[in-house]
Amino acid sequence: LDPVWAGGVVGDVSGGVVDGLVAALLQQREDARARKDFASADAIRERLRASGVDVEDTPRGPRWTVRG
């Protein structure tokens, strides 16, 4: 997972919490994609997007950005 922060929370305690929550959701999304459960994977991506987290799929895995 490759977080990119658009806001100023890097190094802040809340950044660690967000990292953990996003990592857990992205792992669930990757598991769903591996099972070819694309509806669930898309729902997780949409949930993240609605929370201000953009996900970009790259050859090295998902990269996420917090909109600030």
PDB file of N, CA and C in Angstrom:
ATOM      1  N   LEU A   1       0.841  -1.168   0.000  1.00  0.00           N
ATOM      2  CA  LEU A   1       0.000   0.000   0.000  1.00  0.00           C
ATOM      3  C   LEU A   1       0.884   1.227   0.000  1.00  0.00           C
ATOM      4  N   ASP A   2       0.504   2.171  -0.800  1.00  0.00           N
ATOM      5  CA  ASP A   2       1.336   3.352  -0.964  1.00  0.00           C
ATOM      6  C   ASP A   2       0.506   4.597  -0.686  1.00  0.00           C
ATOM      7  N   PRO A   3       0.476   5.079   0.561  1.00  0.00           N
ATOM      8  CA  PRO A   3      -0.338   6.258   0.854  1.00  0.00           C
ATOM      9  C   PRO A   3       0.310   7.533   0.351  1.00  0.00           C
ATOM     10  N   VAL A   4      -0.512   8.436  -0.156  1.00  0.00           N
ATOM     11  CA  VAL A   4      -0.068   9.763  -0.549  1.00  0.00           C
ATOM     12  C   VAL A   4      -1.009  10.736   0.138  1.00  0.00           C
ATOM     13  N   TRP A   5      -0.462  11.599   0.968  1.00  0.00           N
ATOM     14  CA  TRP A   5      -1.283  12.517   1.743  1.00  0.00           C
ATOM     15  C   TRP A   5      -1.412  13.852   1.036  1.00  0.00           C
ATOM     16  N   ALA A   6      -2.651  14.266   0.785  1.00  0.00           N
ATOM     17  CA  ALA A   6      -2.901  15.582   0.219  1.00  0.00           C
ATOM     18  C   ALA A   6      -3.004  16.625   1.332  1.00  0.00           C
ATOM     19  N   GLY A   7      -3.340  16.194   2.539  1.00  0.00           N
ATOM     20  CA  GLY A   7      -3.467  17.097   3.677  1.00  0.00           C
ATOM     21  C   GLY A   7      -2.202  17.111   4.495  1.00  0.00           C
ATOM     22  N   GLY A   8      -2.301  17.591   5.717  1.00  0.00           N
ATOM     23  CA  GLY A   8      -1.121  17.738   6.548  1.00  0.00           C
ATOM     24  C   GLY A   8      -1.089  16.816   7.752  1.00  0.00           C
ATOM     25  N   VAL A   9      -1.521  15.565   7.627  1.00  0.00           N
ATOM     26  CA  VAL A   9      -1.570  14.693   8.796  1.00  0.00           C
ATOM     27  C   VAL A   9      -0.430  13.689   8.854  1.00  0.00           C
ATOM     28  N   VAL A  10       0.537  13.771   7.969  1.00  0.00           N
ATOM     29  CA  VAL A  10       1.659  12.835   8.011  1.00  0.00           C
ATOM     30  C   VAL A  10       2.392  13.006   9.327  1.00  0.00           C
ATOM     31  N   GLY A  11       2.666  11.893   9.995  1.00  0.00           N
ATOM     32  CA  GLY A  11       3.355  11.947  11.266  1.00  0.00           C
ATOM     33  C   GLY A  11       2.423  12.164  12.449  1.00  0.00           C
ATOM     34  N   ASP A  12       1.213  12.534  12.203  1.00  0.00           N
ATOM     35  CA  ASP A  12       0.222  12.727  13.243  1.00  0.00           C
ATOM     36  C   ASP A  12      -0.351  11.369  13.637  1.00  0.00           C
ATOM     37  N   VAL A  13      -0.792  11.247  14.872  1.00  0.00           N
ATOM     38  CA  VAL A  13      -1.366   9.988  15.350  1.00  0.00           C
ATOM     39  C   VAL A  13      -2.538   9.571  14.476  1.00  0.00           C
ATOM     40  N   SER A  14      -3.363  10.523  14.065  1.00  0.00           N
ATOM     41  CA  SER A  14      -4.519  10.181  13.237  1.00  0.00           C
ATOM     42  C   SER A  14      -4.089   9.583  11.908  1.00  0.00           C
ATOM     43  N   GLY A  15      -2.922   9.950  11.428  1.00  0.00           N
ATOM     44  CA  GLY A  15      -2.416   9.358  10.188  1.00  0.00           C
ATOM     45  C   GLY A  15      -2.209   7.868  10.326  1.00  0.00           C
ATOM     46  N   GLY A  16      -1.708   7.422  11.477  1.00  0.00           N
ATOM     47  CA  GLY A  16      -1.515   5.995  11.717  1.00  0.00           C
ATOM     48  C   GLY A  16      -2.827   5.243  11.781  1.00  0.00           C
ATOM     49  N   VAL A  17      -3.826   5.877  12.372  1.00  0.00           N
ATOM     50  CA  VAL A  17      -5.148   5.257  12.449  1.00  0.00           C
ATOM     51  C   VAL A  17      -5.735   5.121  11.053  1.00  0.00           C
ATOM     52  N   VAL A  18      -5.652   6.190  10.278  1.00  0.00           N
ATOM     53  CA  VAL A  18      -6.169   6.156   8.909  1.00  0.00           C
ATOM     54  C   VAL A  18      -5.423   5.102   8.101  1.00  0.00           C
ATOM     55  N   ASP A  19      -4.101   5.057   8.225  1.00  0.00           N
ATOM     56  CA  ASP A  19      -3.308   4.039   7.516  1.00  0.00           C
ATOM     57  C   ASP A  19      -3.844   2.643   7.796  1.00  0.00           C
ATOM     58  N   GLY A  20      -4.070   2.343   9.067  1.00  0.00           N
ATOM     59  CA  GLY A  20      -4.536   1.014   9.450  1.00  0.00           C
ATOM     60  C   GLY A  20      -5.915   0.692   8.917  1.00  0.00           C
ATOM     61  N   LEU A  21      -6.820   1.654   9.003  1.00  0.00           N
ATOM     62  CA  LEU A  21      -8.177   1.430   8.510  1.00  0.00           C
ATOM     63  C   LEU A  21      -8.206   1.261   6.998  1.00  0.00           C
ATOM     64  N   VAL A  22      -7.490   2.124   6.296  1.00  0.00           N
ATOM     65  CA  VAL A  22      -7.452   2.017   4.839  1.00  0.00           C
ATOM     66  C   VAL A  22      -6.773   0.714   4.428  1.00  0.00           C
ATOM     67  N   ALA A  23      -5.699   0.344   5.104  1.00  0.00           N
ATOM     68  CA  ALA A  23      -5.007  -0.908   4.784  1.00  0.00           C
ATOM     69  C   ALA A  23      -5.938  -2.102   4.948  1.00  0.00           C
ATOM     70  N   ALA A  24      -6.733  -2.110   6.011  1.00  0.00           N
ATOM     71  CA  ALA A  24      -7.664  -3.221   6.236  1.00  0.00           C
ATOM     72  C   ALA A  24      -8.712  -3.289   5.136  1.00  0.00           C
ATOM     73  N   LEU A  25      -9.259  -2.146   4.761  1.00  0.00           N
ATOM     74  CA  LEU A  25     -10.258  -2.141   3.693  1.00  0.00           C
ATOM     75  C   LEU A  25      -9.649  -2.525   2.349  1.00  0.00           C
ATOM     76  N   LEU A  26      -8.446  -2.043   2.075  1.00  0.00           N
ATOM     77  CA  LEU A  26      -7.809  -2.404   0.808  1.00  0.00           C
ATOM     78  C   LEU A  26      -7.466  -3.887   0.765  1.00  0.00           C
ATOM     79  N   GLN A  27      -7.119  -4.479   1.897  1.00  0.00           N
ATOM     80  CA  GLN A  27      -6.862  -5.919   1.927  1.00  0.00           C
ATOM     81  C   GLN A  27      -8.150  -6.689   1.642  1.00  0.00           C
ATOM     82  N   GLN A  28      -9.259  -6.239   2.219  1.00  0.00           N
ATOM     83  CA  GLN A  28     -10.551  -6.867   1.925  1.00  0.00           C
ATOM     84  C   GLN A  28     -10.875  -6.747   0.439  1.00  0.00           C
ATOM     85  N   ARG A  29     -10.574  -5.585  -0.128  1.00  0.00           N
ATOM     86  CA  ARG A  29     -10.830  -5.365  -1.558  1.00  0.00           C
ATOM     87  C   ARG A  29      -9.964  -6.285  -2.411  1.00  0.00           C
ATOM     88  N   GLU A  30      -8.681  -6.413  -2.054  1.00  0.00           N
ATOM     89  CA  GLU A  30      -7.789  -7.308  -2.800  1.00  0.00           C
ATOM     90  C   GLU A  30      -8.256  -8.758  -2.687  1.00  0.00           C
ATOM     91  N   ASP A  31      -8.713  -9.166  -1.507  1.00  0.00           N
ATOM     92  CA  ASP A  31      -9.238 -10.521  -1.320  1.00  0.00           C
ATOM     93  C   ASP A  31     -10.467 -10.745  -2.198  1.00  0.00           C
ATOM     94  N   ALA A  32     -11.354  -9.762  -2.244  1.00  0.00           N
ATOM     95  CA  ALA A  32     -12.550  -9.864  -3.086  1.00  0.00           C
ATOM     96  C   ALA A  32     -12.164  -9.967  -4.560  1.00  0.00           C
ATOM     97  N   ARG A  33     -11.198  -9.171  -4.981  1.00  0.00           N
ATOM     98  CA  ARG A  33     -10.752  -9.233  -6.381  1.00  0.00           C
ATOM     99  C   ARG A  33     -10.147 -10.591  -6.698  1.00  0.00           C
ATOM    100  N   ALA A  34      -9.404 -11.160  -5.767  1.00  0.00           N
ATOM    101  CA  ALA A  34      -8.796 -12.478  -5.984  1.00  0.00           C
ATOM    102  C   ALA A  34      -9.872 -13.553  -6.141  1.00  0.00           C
ATOM    103  N   ARG A  35     -11.003 -13.374  -5.449  1.00  0.00           N
ATOM    104  CA  ARG A  35     -12.129 -14.309  -5.563  1.00  0.00           C
ATOM    105  C   ARG A  35     -13.003 -13.996  -6.772  1.00  0.00           C
ATOM    106  N   LYS A  36     -12.627 -12.948  -7.518  1.00  0.00           N
ATOM    107  CA  LYS A  36     -13.396 -12.447  -8.656  1.00  0.00           C
ATOM    108  C   LYS A  36     -14.781 -11.950  -8.233  1.00  0.00           C
ATOM    109  N   ASP A  37     -14.850 -11.450  -7.000  1.00  0.00           N
ATOM    110  CA  ASP A  37     -16.063 -10.842  -6.463  1.00  0.00           C
ATOM    111  C   ASP A  37     -15.945  -9.338  -6.682  1.00  0.00           C
ATOM    112  N   PHE A  38     -16.120  -8.952  -7.938  1.00  0.00           N
ATOM    113  CA  PHE A  38     -15.871  -7.566  -8.312  1.00  0.00           C
ATOM    114  C   PHE A  38     -16.929  -6.608  -7.760  1.00  0.00           C
ATOM    115  N   ALA A  39     -18.138  -7.106  -7.514  1.00  0.00           N
ATOM    116  CA  ALA A  39     -19.167  -6.247  -6.922  1.00  0.00           C
ATOM    117  C   ALA A  39     -18.738  -5.806  -5.521  1.00  0.00           C
ATOM    118  N   SER A  40     -18.218  -6.731  -4.723  1.00  0.00           N
ATOM    119  CA  SER A  40     -17.745  -6.375  -3.380  1.00  0.00           C
ATOM    120  C   SER A  40     -16.528  -5.463  -3.453  1.00  0.00           C
ATOM    121  N   ALA A  41     -15.605  -5.756  -4.362  1.00  0.00           N
ATOM    122  CA  ALA A  41     -14.407  -4.926  -4.520  1.00  0.00           C
ATOM    123  C   ALA A  41     -14.791  -3.501  -4.902  1.00  0.00           C
ATOM    124  N   ASP A  42     -15.744  -3.372  -5.819  1.00  0.00           N
ATOM    125  CA  ASP A  42     -16.198  -2.043  -6.231  1.00  0.00           C
ATOM    126  C   ASP A  42     -16.911  -1.320  -5.090  1.00  0.00           C
ATOM    127  N   ALA A  43     -17.670  -2.060  -4.283  1.00  0.00           N
ATOM    128  CA  ALA A  43     -18.374  -1.448  -3.151  1.00  0.00           C
ATOM    129  C   ALA A  43     -17.378  -0.904  -2.124  1.00  0.00           C
ATOM    130  N   ILE A  44     -16.311  -1.637  -1.882  1.00  0.00           N
ATOM    131  CA  ILE A  44     -15.281  -1.171  -0.944  1.00  0.00           C
ATOM    132  C   ILE A  44     -14.602   0.075  -1.499  1.00  0.00           C
ATOM    133  N   ARG A  45     -14.288   0.056  -2.778  1.00  0.00           N
ATOM    134  CA  ARG A  45     -13.658   1.225  -3.400  1.00  0.00           C
ATOM    135  C   ARG A  45     -14.573   2.443  -3.294  1.00  0.00           C
ATOM    136  N   GLU A  46     -15.864   2.244  -3.525  1.00  0.00           N
ATOM    137  CA  GLU A  46     -16.822   3.340  -3.442  1.00  0.00           C
ATOM    138  C   GLU A  46     -16.943   3.846  -2.005  1.00  0.00           C
ATOM    139  N   ARG A  47     -16.895   2.942  -1.038  1.00  0.00           N
ATOM    140  CA  ARG A  47     -16.947   3.327   0.375  1.00  0.00           C
ATOM    141  C   ARG A  47     -15.744   4.199   0.732  1.00  0.00           C
ATOM    142  N   LEU A  48     -14.587   3.814   0.246  1.00  0.00           N
ATOM    143  CA  LEU A  48     -13.385   4.612   0.478  1.00  0.00           C
ATOM    144  C   LEU A  48     -13.508   5.975  -0.192  1.00  0.00           C
ATOM    145  N   ARG A  49     -13.971   5.984  -1.450  1.00  0.00           N
ATOM    146  CA  ARG A  49     -14.120   7.238  -2.188  1.00  0.00           C
ATOM    147  C   ARG A  49     -15.072   8.181  -1.460  1.00  0.00           C
ATOM    148  N   ALA A  50     -16.186   7.637  -0.961  1.00  0.00           N
ATOM    149  CA  ALA A  50     -17.164   8.452  -0.244  1.00  0.00           C
ATOM    150  C   ALA A  50     -16.581   9.021   1.051  1.00  0.00           C
ATOM    151  N   SER A  51     -15.548   8.378   1.565  1.00  0.00           N
ATOM    152  CA  SER A  51     -14.882   8.833   2.794  1.00  0.00           C
ATOM    153  C   SER A  51     -13.699   9.748   2.516  1.00  0.00           C
ATOM    154  N   GLY A  52     -13.478  10.068   1.238  1.00  0.00           N
ATOM    155  CA  GLY A  52     -12.392  10.983   0.891  1.00  0.00           C
ATOM    156  C   GLY A  52     -11.084  10.312   0.546  1.00  0.00           C
ATOM    157  N   VAL A  53     -11.120   9.004   0.266  1.00  0.00           N
ATOM    158  CA  VAL A  53      -9.908   8.260  -0.080  1.00  0.00           C
ATOM    159  C   VAL A  53     -10.030   7.777  -1.520  1.00  0.00           C
ATOM    160  N   ASP A  54      -9.132   8.239  -2.368  1.00  0.00           N
ATOM    161  CA  ASP A  54      -9.096   7.786  -3.757  1.00  0.00           C
ATOM    162  C   ASP A  54      -8.137   6.613  -3.873  1.00  0.00           C
ATOM    163  N   VAL A  55      -8.529   5.592  -4.635  1.00  0.00           N
ATOM    164  CA  VAL A  55      -7.713   4.397  -4.829  1.00  0.00           C
ATOM    165  C   VAL A  55      -7.345   4.293  -6.299  1.00  0.00           C
ATOM    166  N   GLU A  56      -6.064   4.121  -6.551  1.00  0.00           N
ATOM    167  CA  GLU A  56      -5.559   3.902  -7.909  1.00  0.00           C
ATOM    168  C   GLU A  56      -4.906   2.523  -7.936  1.00  0.00           C
ATOM    169  N   ASP A  57      -5.367   1.678  -8.852  1.00  0.00           N
ATOM    170  CA  ASP A  57      -4.755   0.358  -9.002  1.00  0.00           C
ATOM    171  C   ASP A  57      -3.526   0.485  -9.890  1.00  0.00           C
ATOM    172  N   THR A  58      -2.399  -0.001  -9.399  1.00  0.00           N
ATOM    173  CA  THR A  58      -1.147   0.042 -10.148  1.00  0.00           C
ATOM    174  C   THR A  58      -0.599  -1.376 -10.264  1.00  0.00           C
ATOM    175  N   PRO A  59       0.367  -1.601 -11.140  1.00  0.00           N
ATOM    176  CA  PRO A  59       0.972  -2.938 -11.242  1.00  0.00           C
ATOM    177  C   PRO A  59       1.601  -3.413  -9.930  1.00  0.00           C
ATOM    178  N   ARG A  60       1.972  -2.475  -9.059  1.00  0.00           N
ATOM    179  CA  ARG A  60       2.596  -2.832  -7.771  1.00  0.00           C
ATOM    180  C   ARG A  60       1.580  -2.927  -6.642  1.00  0.00           C
ATOM    181  N   GLY A  61       0.308  -2.792  -6.962  1.00  0.00           N
ATOM    182  CA  GLY A  61      -0.740  -2.840  -5.948  1.00  0.00           C
ATOM    183  C   GLY A  61      -1.462  -1.510  -5.861  1.00  0.00           C
ATOM    184  N   PRO A  62      -2.465  -1.454  -4.991  1.00  0.00           N
ATOM    185  CA  PRO A  62      -3.240  -0.220  -4.897  1.00  0.00           C
ATOM    186  C   PRO A  62      -2.444   0.912  -4.254  1.00  0.00           C
ATOM    187  N   ARG A  63      -2.685   2.103  -4.752  1.00  0.00           N
ATOM    188  CA  ARG A  63      -2.093   3.323  -4.197  1.00  0.00           C
ATOM    189  C   ARG A  63      -3.272   4.196  -3.790  1.00  0.00           C
ATOM    190  N   TRP A  64      -3.201   4.758  -2.607  1.00  0.00           N
ATOM    191  CA  TRP A  64      -4.327   5.560  -2.161  1.00  0.00           C
ATOM    192  C   TRP A  64      -3.903   6.962  -1.765  1.00  0.00           C
ATOM    193  N   THR A  65      -4.864   7.883  -1.926  1.00  0.00           N
ATOM    194  CA  THR A  65      -4.639   9.294  -1.640  1.00  0.00           C
ATOM    195  C   THR A  65      -5.812   9.822  -0.827  1.00  0.00           C
ATOM    196  N   VAL A  66      -5.521  10.552   0.232  1.00  0.00           N
ATOM    197  CA  VAL A  66      -6.566  11.216   1.003  1.00  0.00           C
ATOM    198  C   VAL A  66      -6.784  12.590   0.397  1.00  0.00           C
ATOM    199  N   ARG A  67      -8.019  12.867   0.014  1.00  0.00           N
ATOM    200  CA  ARG A  67      -8.338  14.197  -0.501  1.00  0.00           C
ATOM    201  C   ARG A  67      -8.385  15.175   0.661  1.00  0.00           C
ATOM    202  N   GLY A  68      -7.786  16.338   0.487  1.00  0.00           N
ATOM    203  CA  GLY A  68      -7.728  17.293   1.596  1.00  0.00           C
ATOM    204  C   GLY A  68      -8.369  18.558   1.361  1.00  0.00           C
TER     205      GLY A  68
END
